[in-house]
Structure formats: C-alpha cells, structure tokens
Amino acid sequence: MTNGNRRGSARRAPLVADVLALLFCFSLSPGQQETRQSTVTDFVKGTPISVTIGGGFLVNGSFAAFPAERVDQFVTRVYTGAMDAIAARYERLPSPPQGTAGSTATTATITTTAEEQAGYPLRNIRLRRVSGEELVIDLQKFRLTGDFRDNPYLKNDDVLLFPVVDREHDFVSVAGAVAHPTRFQFVEGDRISDAVLFGGGLRSTLDSAGSAVISRLDRTGQIETSVVTSVRENPRLMRGDRVVIQLGENERMDYRVFVSGEVYKPGYVPVTKSTTSLREVIKRSGGFKPTADLERAELIRGANVFRSPFFSETFEDLMMTRTANVAPEDSMVLFIDNKLRFQRGNGLIDFRKIDSTAEGDFIARDGDFVFVPERQNLVYVFGQVKTPGYVPFVEGKGFPYYLDKAGGQAETARDEVFLIKGKTRTWKRLDDPGGGGIEPGDFLWVPKTMRRDFDFYLVRVGATAGIIAALATVLILIKQF
C-alpha cells in the first residue's frame, strides 16, 4: 500500500467511526435514546455549580446552578420553585370550618403572605465573583432591551445580592406620552431616558422631542417643586420623582362611521375626529338609493362616547337615580329608558333634509352607526290574530282592514288594538276604525284576553268586601261620637 493510500485510509477511519456511532444511536430503543439525549444535555450544562442568593429575595441560601445558565433563568427558576413550595405548604394546612374566625384568619394570612412575597427587585442586583469582580445587574432593562450585559452567565461560588427595596419610597413614576405609564424601582443614576424605556417608549410619533415635567415633593409631602426640562437633555432623576412626558399629542387615529342599508357604498366611512358632517358621510357612502326609507333612517350613538371604564352603564344608572323622586312603579320605566339611552342614543335627524338644511351639519363621531332601511310599503300585524304577518299598506285604510287581511281576530283577542310606530316604537291605542295615522313600517298589535278563574274573582270580591266593611266601621264610630 502506498503512502497516499495509507493517508486516505487514515482520513476515512474517523468518518467511518462517526457513521457507525450514528447508526448505533438510531438502533437504540426509544428509552435508550432518551437516556443518551439526557446525558448529552447534562454534558452541555456541565457539572452543577453553587450560587448563593442573599438580600431582598424570597429565599436566601446556596442553590445548584449550571455554567450554561444565565442570571435571569436561574433566579426565575429558584423563585418559581419557592413559590410552589409555599403554595403546597398552605394546601397541606388543615382548613378550619367555614364561617369560623379561624377560617377568616387563615385566608387573611395566606392573602397577605402572597402579596408580600409576590415579585422581587429586578434592578441594582450585585453579582460578586470569587475573583473579586463585581457586576451590577439590571434584569428589568434586560427584559426590555435584550442586552446580555445585564444577564451574564453564572460561575461557581457566585453570590447574588438583591437590594432591600422600600416600594413606598424607592420609586420613580412615569406618565404622559409614554406607551405604558408605570412606576418602577429607582436606582441611583436613573435618567429621563430610563423612565421612557420603562414606560414602553414614547407614545407620540411626532419628531419633536418635547419636554418633561418632574414633580418632586419635600420630606413632608406638602411642598412640591416642578422641574421642566427637555427630554433630549436627559437629566438625572431622584428617588420619588414623578415624571410626565409632554409631547405634541398625535390624534391621528382610525376614526370611522359604519353606514348600513340603502346606500350605494355601505360599510366603514373614514371621518375626522370632530369635523366631518353627516352630509359628508352619506356622500362618501355613495348617497341614498331610490329604495331608501329616509323617514326611518337613524344615526345611532352609544352614550359611552368617551370609551372609558369610568363612564359605565352602572355608573350612569346610579347618577340618574341618585336624586330621583319617582314612584316605585316609575323607577322600572326610568331604568328601561336609561338603558336604551346608554346603548342606543339616537341623533334626532330628518334624513330627508340633510342635503339642503342644517340637519346635514350634524357632526358624525367615531363609532357612530348610520342605518338607512329599505322602504317597506307594509304594515306588520301580530298578536291575537289568526295569521300574523306583513300586510301591504293601503293609503287611508283603518285597522279593521289590516286585521281582516291577517285573518281576523282570534277568539282569545281582547277588544283593543294598539298602533306601534315603526321608527320611534311609540304606542297608541286605536279607537277610530276609519283612521289612526297608520303608515308604512308600522305595527298593529292585538292583546290577549287573560283567562280569569273563580279563585281570581273570589280574591277580588274578598278584598272589596274587606274595604267596604272597614269603611262601614269607620262611619258607625263617627256617628257614635
């Protein structure tokens, strides 16, 4: 064999060995493969090391870690394990009988403990190594920026010292033109840029850097000093500062009105914040079709135009009834009316005149719903009639005509007919068979005669007799005096 062949064989030998090792791995049973994979993972992690945690953390002591583990991963794992152990301990506690003082005290203790132990300081963490090196770690910044300088790998005998934070005083709050107004742990050296970072960045998209107002209280909490500065100057902050970022507010948002029904281009219509008229909305939606029923067209707007949780339906009910002086039977009517007002506040607009009069100047707002129904030359008859349904409208016809078209009144019908207007849903009792102001889109309702049994009349007669007897007794007593 030549030297070249020997060198070729020498190069192929490791390759063959690798292929055989790979085939051996595939030939293992699933359980053997899992064991081998676990062994490889342990090899990657390396031999466990010892890391000590001290200071203002949930638990203090030395814990096992791996060289391939970073600070955030290690701390999260230890904290989660400690919280699970606390929860398990409380689950094993015997529960006092419900309703006793002991059950209330136990619940209060668990709740207080959970609040006190929730979370841990994420900033100003000291990492001390055996070599004497000391690093200051900011896990909160790491979680926002991904900068691994604030999340280094651990080494054997590392010591993590968490600061003891007074949450009531060691803080800075940031609000204003930031994405997420918040309150964060103060660290010496913090600047305006840190407040903007922890607030999720600037909310405004304008180029202007804007200004920041820093509110500072004295030790008594009674005297305030306001410092107005530029965001670009990036001044240092102090413990307890309250920062408000002020930028030119960007109100360029997706304001829309939804138009439905008999228009040529139904759907969402983009509008301005508070200057687009209803006339312009209808124009952008293509205008009305010939089949549009403008008498029944509506602009519907909910009462919560502020879209705020502090302006809720429940809050409105309380405000409306706080000083109300109505009878109990009227309070339910007020409740219904107020609920309709909140959910469906209509604009009082005559759509027949929006092109030529001030009716069209009504300002449409984001979230409005414009409904233009199709003209229906029909009257709907329902209730105690034989065949409820739509009846073609005939000018000048009274309610007997429509009842006859619906098959006439049923045997259970009461001798009353009510007209319900199609747009306003207002009610009117019809007494004149020859008229009544019936229009297309209206409803005619025939109520039902309620069945009254002997017990009903017996109760009524008994109540009446009791009243008469009481009056007679009073008259006899008066005559005696």
Protein backbone atom coordinates (compact mmCIF):
# COMPACT_ATOMS: atom_id res chain seq x y z
CA MET A 1 0.00 0.00 0.00
CA THR A 2 1.37 3.44 -0.95
CA ASN A 3 1.72 6.33 1.46
CA GLY A 4 -1.16 8.13 -0.31
CA ASN A 5 -3.47 5.16 0.23
CA ARG A 6 -2.44 4.96 3.88
CA ARG A 7 -3.23 8.69 4.35
CA GLY A 8 -6.61 8.24 2.62
CA SER A 9 -7.46 5.31 4.87
CA ALA A 10 -6.41 7.31 7.92
CA ARG A 11 -8.74 10.18 6.91
CA ARG A 12 -11.65 7.81 6.27
CA ALA A 13 -11.29 5.99 9.60
CA PRO A 14 -12.79 8.78 11.78
CA LEU A 15 -15.59 9.26 9.23
CA VAL A 16 -16.48 5.56 9.35
CA ALA A 17 -16.41 5.64 13.14
CA ASP A 18 -18.80 8.61 13.18
CA VAL A 19 -21.22 6.87 10.79
CA LEU A 20 -21.16 3.68 12.92
CA ALA A 21 -21.81 5.74 16.06
CA LEU A 22 -24.73 7.46 14.36
CA LEU A 23 -26.22 4.12 13.26
CA PHE A 24 -25.81 2.82 16.80
CA CYS A 25 -27.79 5.76 18.14
CA PHE A 26 -30.63 5.08 15.70
CA SER A 27 -30.63 1.40 16.64
CA LEU A 28 -31.27 2.18 20.31
CA SER A 29 -34.72 1.77 21.76
CA PRO A 30 -36.71 4.98 22.45
CA GLY A 31 -35.93 4.74 26.17
CA GLN A 32 -32.22 4.29 25.47
CA GLN A 33 -32.28 7.25 23.06
CA GLU A 34 -33.91 9.44 25.73
CA THR A 35 -31.26 8.42 28.28
CA ARG A 36 -28.48 9.20 25.80
CA GLN A 37 -30.07 12.57 24.97
CA SER A 38 -30.31 13.40 28.68
CA THR A 39 -26.64 12.52 29.06
CA VAL A 40 -25.72 14.85 26.21
CA THR A 41 -27.82 17.64 27.76
CA ASP A 42 -26.10 17.17 31.11
CA PHE A 43 -22.75 17.30 29.35
CA VAL A 44 -23.73 20.60 27.69
CA LYS A 45 -24.88 22.02 31.04
CA GLY A 46 -21.77 20.80 32.72
CA THR A 47 -21.20 19.88 36.31
CA PRO A 48 -23.60 21.71 38.67
CA ILE A 49 -22.13 24.75 40.37
CA SER A 50 -23.12 26.53 43.55
CA VAL A 51 -24.66 30.02 43.52
CA THR A 52 -25.65 31.91 46.67
CA ILE A 53 -28.62 34.28 46.88
CA GLY A 54 -28.85 36.93 49.59
CA GLY A 55 -30.62 40.17 50.38
CA GLY A 56 -34.17 41.08 49.44
CA PHE A 57 -35.10 37.86 47.67
CA LEU A 58 -37.89 35.42 48.56
CA VAL A 59 -35.40 32.84 49.84
CA ASN A 60 -31.74 33.11 50.81
CA GLY A 61 -29.12 30.38 50.61
CA SER A 62 -26.97 28.39 48.20
CA PHE A 63 -28.58 26.69 45.22
CA ALA A 64 -27.43 24.42 42.41
CA ALA A 65 -26.97 26.05 39.01
CA PHE A 66 -25.26 25.21 35.73
CA PRO A 67 -22.46 27.02 33.92
CA ALA A 68 -24.72 27.43 30.88
CA GLU A 69 -27.36 29.20 32.98
CA ARG A 70 -27.73 32.95 32.99
CA VAL A 71 -28.81 35.02 35.98
CA ASP A 72 -32.40 35.63 34.83
CA GLN A 73 -33.03 31.95 34.11
CA PHE A 74 -31.55 30.87 37.44
CA VAL A 75 -33.38 33.48 39.52
CA THR A 76 -36.71 32.77 37.81
CA ARG A 77 -36.29 29.02 38.44
CA VAL A 78 -35.45 29.44 42.12
CA TYR A 79 -38.29 31.95 42.67
CA THR A 80 -40.86 29.74 40.95
CA GLY A 81 -39.78 26.72 42.96
CA ALA A 82 -40.02 28.68 46.21
CA MET A 83 -43.49 29.97 45.41
CA ASP A 84 -44.65 26.45 44.51
CA ALA A 85 -43.31 25.18 47.84
CA ILE A 86 -45.19 27.94 49.71
CA ALA A 87 -48.42 27.11 47.87
CA ALA A 88 -48.01 23.41 48.61
CA ARG A 89 -47.44 24.16 52.30
CA TYR A 90 -50.67 26.14 52.54
CA GLU A 91 -52.58 23.40 50.71
CA ARG A 92 -51.46 20.89 53.36
CA LEU A 93 -52.72 23.07 56.22
CA PRO A 94 -55.97 21.81 57.81
CA SER A 95 -58.87 24.06 56.92
CA PRO A 96 -60.97 25.41 59.84
CA PRO A 97 -64.76 25.10 59.46
CA GLN A 98 -66.26 27.63 57.08
CA GLY A 99 -67.69 30.71 58.77
CA THR A 100 -65.49 30.49 61.84
CA ALA A 101 -62.99 33.11 62.96
CA GLY A 102 -60.18 30.65 62.26
CA SER A 103 -61.15 30.29 58.60
CA THR A 104 -61.14 34.06 58.11
CA ALA A 105 -57.77 34.47 59.81
CA THR A 106 -56.19 31.71 57.72
CA THR A 107 -57.47 33.27 54.50
CA ALA A 108 -56.17 36.69 55.52
CA THR A 109 -52.73 35.26 56.38
CA ILE A 110 -52.41 33.49 53.03
CA THR A 111 -53.50 36.60 51.12
CA THR A 112 -51.09 38.87 52.98
CA THR A 113 -48.21 36.45 52.52
CA ALA A 114 -48.89 36.16 48.79
CA GLU A 115 -48.90 39.95 48.42
CA GLU A 116 -45.70 40.40 50.40
CA GLN A 117 -43.83 37.67 48.52
CA ALA A 118 -45.02 38.49 45.02
CA GLY A 119 -42.12 39.61 42.86
CA TYR A 120 -38.58 40.61 43.74
CA PRO A 121 -36.24 43.51 42.94
CA LEU A 122 -35.16 43.36 39.32
CA ARG A 123 -32.67 46.22 39.44
CA ASN A 124 -29.42 47.06 41.22
CA ILE A 125 -28.60 43.38 41.79
CA ARG A 126 -24.95 42.81 42.80
CA LEU A 127 -23.14 39.81 41.33
CA ARG A 128 -19.91 39.07 43.22
CA ARG A 129 -17.44 36.51 41.89
CA VAL A 130 -14.67 34.63 43.66
CA SER A 131 -12.13 36.59 41.65
CA GLY A 132 -13.29 39.80 43.35
CA GLU A 133 -15.12 41.06 40.27
CA GLU A 134 -18.46 42.73 40.98
CA LEU A 135 -21.17 43.37 38.43
CA VAL A 136 -24.34 45.45 38.77
CA ILE A 137 -27.22 43.72 37.02
CA ASP A 138 -30.48 45.24 35.80
CA LEU A 139 -32.84 42.41 34.84
CA GLN A 140 -35.67 44.82 34.12
CA LYS A 141 -33.60 46.51 31.44
CA PHE A 142 -32.52 43.15 30.06
CA ARG A 143 -36.13 42.08 29.65
CA LEU A 144 -36.85 45.26 27.70
CA THR A 145 -33.67 45.59 25.65
CA GLY A 146 -32.27 42.04 25.41
CA ASP A 147 -28.82 43.34 26.33
CA PHE A 148 -26.99 40.31 27.79
CA ARG A 149 -24.59 42.55 29.65
CA ASP A 150 -27.41 42.77 32.19
CA ASN A 151 -27.84 38.99 32.19
CA PRO A 152 -24.42 37.28 32.34
CA TYR A 153 -23.60 33.57 32.72
CA LEU A 154 -23.12 32.26 36.24
CA LYS A 155 -19.89 30.86 37.65
CA ASN A 156 -19.17 28.62 40.60
CA ASP A 157 -19.45 30.32 44.00
CA ASP A 158 -21.11 33.41 42.54
CA VAL A 159 -23.09 35.49 45.04
CA LEU A 160 -26.24 37.37 44.01
CA LEU A 161 -27.18 40.16 46.42
CA PHE A 162 -30.66 41.62 45.94
CA PRO A 163 -31.37 45.08 47.34
CA VAL A 164 -33.99 45.53 50.04
CA VAL A 165 -36.46 47.87 48.36
CA ASP A 166 -38.95 50.12 50.12
CA ARG A 167 -41.69 50.05 47.49
CA GLU A 168 -43.45 53.07 49.00
CA HIS A 169 -40.40 55.34 48.65
CA ASP A 170 -37.80 53.77 46.31
CA PHE A 171 -39.67 54.53 43.10
CA VAL A 172 -40.00 56.78 40.10
CA SER A 173 -43.29 57.03 38.21
CA VAL A 174 -43.65 58.00 34.57
CA ALA A 175 -46.80 59.06 32.74
CA GLY A 176 -47.88 61.25 29.86
CA ALA A 177 -46.79 60.49 26.32
CA VAL A 178 -45.42 57.01 27.02
CA ALA A 179 -46.93 53.75 25.83
CA HIS A 180 -47.45 52.26 29.30
CA PRO A 181 -47.46 54.67 32.25
CA THR A 182 -45.82 52.84 35.13
CA ARG A 183 -43.97 53.02 38.42
CA PHE A 184 -40.56 51.39 38.64
CA GLN A 185 -37.77 50.75 41.13
CA PHE A 186 -35.43 53.71 41.46
CA VAL A 187 -31.67 53.19 41.12
CA GLU A 188 -29.07 55.89 41.65
CA GLY A 189 -28.09 57.27 38.26
CA ASP A 190 -31.50 56.87 36.60
CA ARG A 191 -32.28 59.44 33.95
CA ILE A 192 -35.25 60.55 31.85
CA SER A 193 -34.25 58.02 29.19
CA ASP A 194 -34.67 55.21 31.74
CA ALA A 195 -38.16 56.46 32.61
CA VAL A 196 -39.08 56.48 28.90
CA LEU A 197 -37.67 52.95 28.49
CA PHE A 198 -39.62 51.52 31.43
CA GLY A 199 -42.72 53.36 30.19
CA GLY A 200 -42.60 51.42 26.94
CA GLY A 201 -41.18 54.22 24.83
CA LEU A 202 -42.76 57.41 23.56
CA ARG A 203 -46.38 57.08 22.52
CA SER A 204 -46.35 60.02 20.14
CA THR A 205 -44.98 59.55 16.61
CA LEU A 206 -44.07 63.21 16.20
CA ASP A 207 -40.46 64.16 15.64
CA SER A 208 -40.45 66.72 18.43
CA ALA A 209 -38.51 65.56 21.46
CA GLY A 210 -40.84 67.50 23.72
CA SER A 211 -40.37 68.26 27.37
CA ALA A 212 -40.65 66.50 30.70
CA VAL A 213 -42.12 67.82 33.91
CA ILE A 214 -40.52 66.34 37.04
CA SER A 215 -42.61 66.70 40.17
CA ARG A 216 -40.69 66.47 43.46
CA LEU A 217 -42.09 66.60 46.98
CA ASP A 218 -40.21 67.59 50.09
CA ARG A 219 -39.86 65.20 53.04
CA THR A 220 -43.21 66.33 54.46
CA GLY A 221 -45.02 65.59 51.22
CA GLN A 222 -46.62 69.05 51.39
CA ILE A 223 -44.34 71.19 49.21
CA GLU A 224 -43.94 70.41 45.52
CA THR A 225 -41.19 71.54 43.20
CA SER A 226 -41.75 71.20 39.45
CA VAL A 227 -38.75 70.95 37.17
CA VAL A 228 -39.42 71.47 33.46
CA THR A 229 -36.69 70.07 31.25
CA SER A 230 -36.09 68.81 27.75
CA VAL A 231 -36.22 65.10 27.09
CA ARG A 232 -33.07 65.47 24.98
CA GLU A 233 -31.16 66.91 27.92
CA ASN A 234 -31.81 63.62 29.74
CA PRO A 235 -31.28 64.90 33.29
CA ARG A 236 -30.77 62.61 36.28
CA LEU A 237 -33.72 61.68 38.44
CA MET A 238 -34.16 61.47 42.19
CA ARG A 239 -35.94 58.98 44.41
CA GLY A 240 -39.68 59.63 44.45
CA ASP A 241 -39.73 61.72 41.25
CA ARG A 242 -42.93 61.71 39.24
CA VAL A 243 -42.21 62.28 35.57
CA VAL A 244 -44.74 63.42 32.99
CA ILE A 245 -43.51 63.31 29.40
CA GLN A 246 -45.10 66.06 27.32
CA LEU A 247 -45.03 65.74 23.56
CA GLY A 248 -47.18 67.16 20.83
CA GLU A 249 -50.17 64.82 21.05
CA ASN A 250 -50.77 62.78 17.93
CA GLU A 251 -54.50 62.30 17.48
CA ARG A 252 -54.26 60.80 14.02
CA MET A 253 -56.36 57.71 14.66
CA ASP A 254 -58.71 55.45 12.74
CA TYR A 255 -61.97 57.35 13.23
CA ARG A 256 -64.78 55.56 11.38
CA VAL A 257 -68.55 55.59 10.95
CA PHE A 258 -70.39 52.48 9.77
CA VAL A 259 -73.15 53.04 7.22
CA SER A 260 -75.57 50.21 6.53
CA GLY A 261 -78.65 49.75 4.40
CA GLU A 262 -79.85 51.54 1.30
CA VAL A 263 -76.74 53.42 0.21
CA TYR A 264 -74.59 52.67 -2.81
CA LYS A 265 -71.38 52.05 -0.86
CA PRO A 266 -72.28 50.60 2.55
CA GLY A 267 -69.53 49.92 5.07
CA TYR A 268 -67.00 51.90 7.07
CA VAL A 269 -66.53 55.56 6.16
CA PRO A 270 -63.35 57.29 7.43
CA VAL A 271 -64.04 60.54 9.26
CA THR A 272 -62.13 63.16 11.23
CA LYS A 273 -62.14 63.40 15.00
CA SER A 274 -64.87 66.04 15.22
CA THR A 275 -65.40 67.92 11.94
CA THR A 276 -67.00 65.51 9.44
CA SER A 277 -70.69 66.20 8.91
CA LEU A 278 -73.40 63.61 8.37
CA ARG A 279 -73.94 65.09 4.91
CA GLU A 280 -70.32 64.27 4.02
CA VAL A 281 -70.63 60.74 5.46
CA ILE A 282 -73.63 59.99 3.24
CA LYS A 283 -71.80 61.49 0.26
CA ARG A 284 -68.76 59.25 0.85
CA SER A 285 -71.04 56.22 1.13
CA GLY A 286 -72.37 56.88 -2.37
CA GLY A 287 -75.64 58.58 -1.46
CA PHE A 288 -79.10 57.14 -0.92
CA LYS A 289 -80.67 54.56 -3.19
CA PRO A 290 -84.15 55.23 -4.56
CA THR A 291 -85.42 52.46 -2.29
CA ALA A 292 -84.18 54.19 0.90
CA ASP A 293 -86.76 54.96 3.57
CA LEU A 294 -85.41 58.27 4.83
CA GLU A 295 -88.22 58.70 7.34
CA ARG A 296 -86.98 55.68 9.29
CA ALA A 297 -83.24 56.27 8.80
CA GLU A 298 -81.28 56.60 12.04
CA LEU A 299 -77.93 57.68 13.41
CA ILE A 300 -77.23 55.54 16.48
CA ARG A 301 -74.63 56.52 19.05
CA GLY A 302 -73.99 54.86 22.40
CA ALA A 303 -73.75 57.05 25.47
CA ASN A 304 -70.17 55.99 26.28
CA VAL A 305 -68.58 58.30 23.73
CA PHE A 306 -65.51 58.55 25.98
CA ARG A 307 -64.93 54.77 25.85
CA SER A 308 -63.83 54.92 29.45
CA PRO A 309 -64.34 52.31 32.19
CA PHE A 310 -65.20 55.22 34.50
CA PHE A 311 -68.21 56.05 32.32
CA SER A 312 -70.13 52.80 32.56
CA GLU A 313 -73.80 51.89 32.31
CA THR A 314 -73.92 51.04 36.02
CA PHE A 315 -72.38 54.39 36.89
CA GLU A 316 -74.97 56.15 34.72
CA ASP A 317 -77.84 54.29 36.43
CA LEU A 318 -76.57 55.39 39.84
CA MET A 319 -76.12 59.01 38.74
CA MET A 320 -79.60 59.13 37.18
CA THR A 321 -81.36 57.70 40.25
CA ARG A 322 -79.27 59.39 42.96
CA THR A 323 -81.70 62.32 43.44
CA ALA A 324 -84.70 60.87 41.58
CA ASN A 325 -88.06 61.44 43.21
CA VAL A 326 -90.25 58.96 41.37
CA ALA A 327 -92.74 56.37 42.49
CA PRO A 328 -91.51 52.77 42.74
CA GLU A 329 -93.57 51.76 39.71
CA ASP A 330 -91.94 54.54 37.69
CA SER A 331 -88.41 53.54 38.63
CA MET A 332 -88.56 50.49 36.37
CA VAL A 333 -89.67 52.68 33.47
CA LEU A 334 -86.75 55.02 34.17
CA PHE A 335 -84.40 52.02 34.26
CA ILE A 336 -85.60 50.85 30.82
CA ASP A 337 -85.41 54.33 29.30
CA ASN A 338 -81.92 54.96 30.67
CA LYS A 339 -80.68 51.58 29.45
CA LEU A 340 -81.94 52.36 25.94
CA ARG A 341 -80.33 55.79 26.09
CA PHE A 342 -76.97 54.33 27.03
CA GLN A 343 -77.00 51.54 24.44
CA ARG A 344 -78.79 53.37 21.64
CA GLY A 345 -78.61 57.13 21.80
CA ASN A 346 -80.17 58.33 18.55
CA GLY A 347 -79.41 61.57 16.78
CA LEU A 348 -82.68 63.40 16.12
CA ILE A 349 -82.14 63.93 12.42
CA ASP A 350 -84.52 64.21 9.48
CA PHE A 351 -82.56 62.42 6.76
CA ARG A 352 -84.90 63.82 4.11
CA LYS A 353 -83.38 67.27 4.67
CA ILE A 354 -79.66 66.64 5.16
CA ASP A 355 -78.76 67.87 1.66
CA SER A 356 -80.30 71.33 1.92
CA THR A 357 -80.70 72.23 5.60
CA ALA A 358 -78.75 72.33 8.86
CA GLU A 359 -79.83 68.72 9.51
CA GLY A 360 -76.85 67.64 7.42
CA ASP A 361 -74.40 69.64 9.58
CA PHE A 362 -74.75 67.14 12.42
CA ILE A 363 -71.19 66.04 13.31
CA ALA A 364 -70.55 62.31 12.95
CA ARG A 365 -68.21 60.78 15.51
CA ASP A 366 -66.07 57.68 15.62
CA GLY A 367 -68.21 54.62 16.36
CA ASP A 368 -71.49 56.05 15.06
CA PHE A 369 -73.80 53.70 13.18
CA VAL A 370 -75.97 55.04 10.37
CA PHE A 371 -78.83 52.76 9.33
CA VAL A 372 -80.86 53.50 6.22
CA PRO A 373 -83.64 50.90 5.93
CA GLU A 374 -85.34 49.84 2.76
CA ARG A 375 -88.70 51.43 2.11
CA GLN A 376 -91.32 48.86 3.04
CA ASN A 377 -94.85 49.51 1.86
CA LEU A 378 -96.04 47.09 4.53
CA VAL A 379 -97.71 47.03 7.93
CA TYR A 380 -96.94 44.18 10.31
CA VAL A 381 -99.94 42.71 12.17
CA PHE A 382 -99.31 40.40 15.12
CA GLY A 383 -100.65 39.34 18.47
CA GLN A 384 -104.09 37.67 18.73
CA VAL A 385 -104.84 37.42 15.02
CA LYS A 386 -105.25 34.20 13.07
CA THR A 387 -102.38 34.72 10.61
CA PRO A 388 -99.78 37.26 11.86
CA GLY A 389 -97.60 38.79 9.17
CA TYR A 390 -96.96 41.64 6.76
CA VAL A 391 -99.91 43.31 5.02
CA PRO A 392 -99.45 45.69 2.05
CA PHE A 393 -100.07 49.28 3.08
CA VAL A 394 -103.10 51.00 1.59
CA GLU A 395 -103.48 54.74 2.00
CA GLY A 396 -106.42 55.74 4.17
CA LYS A 397 -107.33 52.29 5.43
CA GLY A 398 -108.03 51.84 9.15
CA PHE A 399 -107.02 48.98 11.40
CA PRO A 400 -110.07 46.75 10.60
CA TYR A 401 -108.76 46.40 7.06
CA TYR A 402 -105.38 45.10 8.23
CA LEU A 403 -106.92 42.81 10.86
CA ASP A 404 -109.17 41.34 8.19
CA LYS A 405 -106.17 40.72 5.92
CA ALA A 406 -104.50 38.91 8.83
CA GLY A 407 -107.45 36.51 9.10
CA GLY A 408 -109.36 38.47 11.70
CA GLN A 409 -109.05 38.46 15.45
CA ALA A 410 -108.63 35.18 17.29
CA GLU A 411 -111.11 34.03 19.92
CA THR A 412 -108.65 34.98 22.66
CA ALA A 413 -108.29 38.57 21.37
CA ARG A 414 -109.10 41.49 23.61
CA ASP A 415 -111.27 44.25 22.26
CA GLU A 416 -108.29 46.58 21.82
CA VAL A 417 -105.82 47.38 19.05
CA PHE A 418 -102.52 49.19 19.51
CA LEU A 419 -100.52 51.03 16.85
CA ILE A 420 -96.72 50.89 17.31
CA LYS A 421 -94.85 53.39 15.14
CA GLY A 422 -92.08 51.84 13.07
CA LYS A 423 -89.28 54.31 13.83
CA THR A 424 -89.94 55.52 17.36
CA ARG A 425 -91.73 52.40 18.69
CA THR A 426 -94.21 54.68 20.44
CA TRP A 427 -97.62 53.20 21.26
CA LYS A 428 -101.12 54.49 20.55
CA ARG A 429 -104.45 52.85 21.26
CA LEU A 430 -106.69 52.88 18.20
CA ASP A 431 -110.37 53.62 18.77
CA ASP A 432 -111.36 55.03 15.39
CA PRO A 433 -111.80 52.19 12.86
CA GLY A 434 -111.64 54.65 9.99
CA GLY A 435 -108.17 56.07 10.57
CA GLY A 436 -105.50 56.19 13.20
CA GLY A 437 -102.48 57.51 11.28
CA ILE A 438 -101.19 54.13 10.11
CA GLU A 439 -98.08 54.44 7.92
CA PRO A 440 -95.76 52.03 6.09
CA GLY A 441 -93.44 50.23 8.51
CA ASP A 442 -95.85 50.48 11.45
CA PHE A 443 -97.02 47.60 13.65
CA LEU A 444 -100.51 46.64 14.77
CA TRP A 445 -100.75 44.56 17.92
CA VAL A 446 -103.84 42.85 19.30
CA PRO A 447 -103.50 41.91 23.00
CA LYS A 448 -104.82 38.71 24.55
CA THR A 449 -107.76 38.34 26.91
CA MET A 450 -106.40 36.81 30.07
CA ARG A 451 -108.31 33.83 31.47
CA ARG A 452 -109.74 34.52 34.91
CA ASP A 453 -110.78 31.56 37.09
CA PHE A 454 -113.09 31.50 40.10
CA ASP A 455 -110.26 31.99 42.57
CA PHE A 456 -109.29 35.26 40.88
CA TYR A 457 -112.74 36.75 41.27
CA LEU A 458 -113.09 35.36 44.80
CA VAL A 459 -109.93 37.20 45.87
CA ARG A 460 -111.14 40.41 44.25
CA VAL A 461 -114.56 40.19 45.89
CA GLY A 462 -112.98 39.41 49.26
CA ALA A 463 -110.68 42.42 49.03
CA THR A 464 -113.55 44.70 48.03
CA ALA A 465 -115.75 43.39 50.84
CA GLY A 466 -112.95 44.00 53.34
CA ILE A 467 -112.63 47.62 52.24
CA ILE A 468 -116.41 48.17 52.44
CA ALA A 469 -116.55 46.63 55.91
CA ALA A 470 -113.72 48.87 57.10
CA LEU A 471 -115.46 51.99 55.77
CA ALA A 472 -118.74 50.97 57.40
CA THR A 473 -116.98 50.51 60.75
CA VAL A 474 -115.46 53.97 60.50
CA LEU A 475 -118.89 55.55 59.71
CA ILE A 476 -120.52 53.79 62.69
CA LEU A 477 -117.78 55.06 65.02
CA ILE A 478 -118.20 58.60 63.69
CA LYS A 479 -121.96 58.56 64.31
CA GLN A 480 -121.47 57.35 67.89
CA PHE A 481 -119.36 60.41 68.65
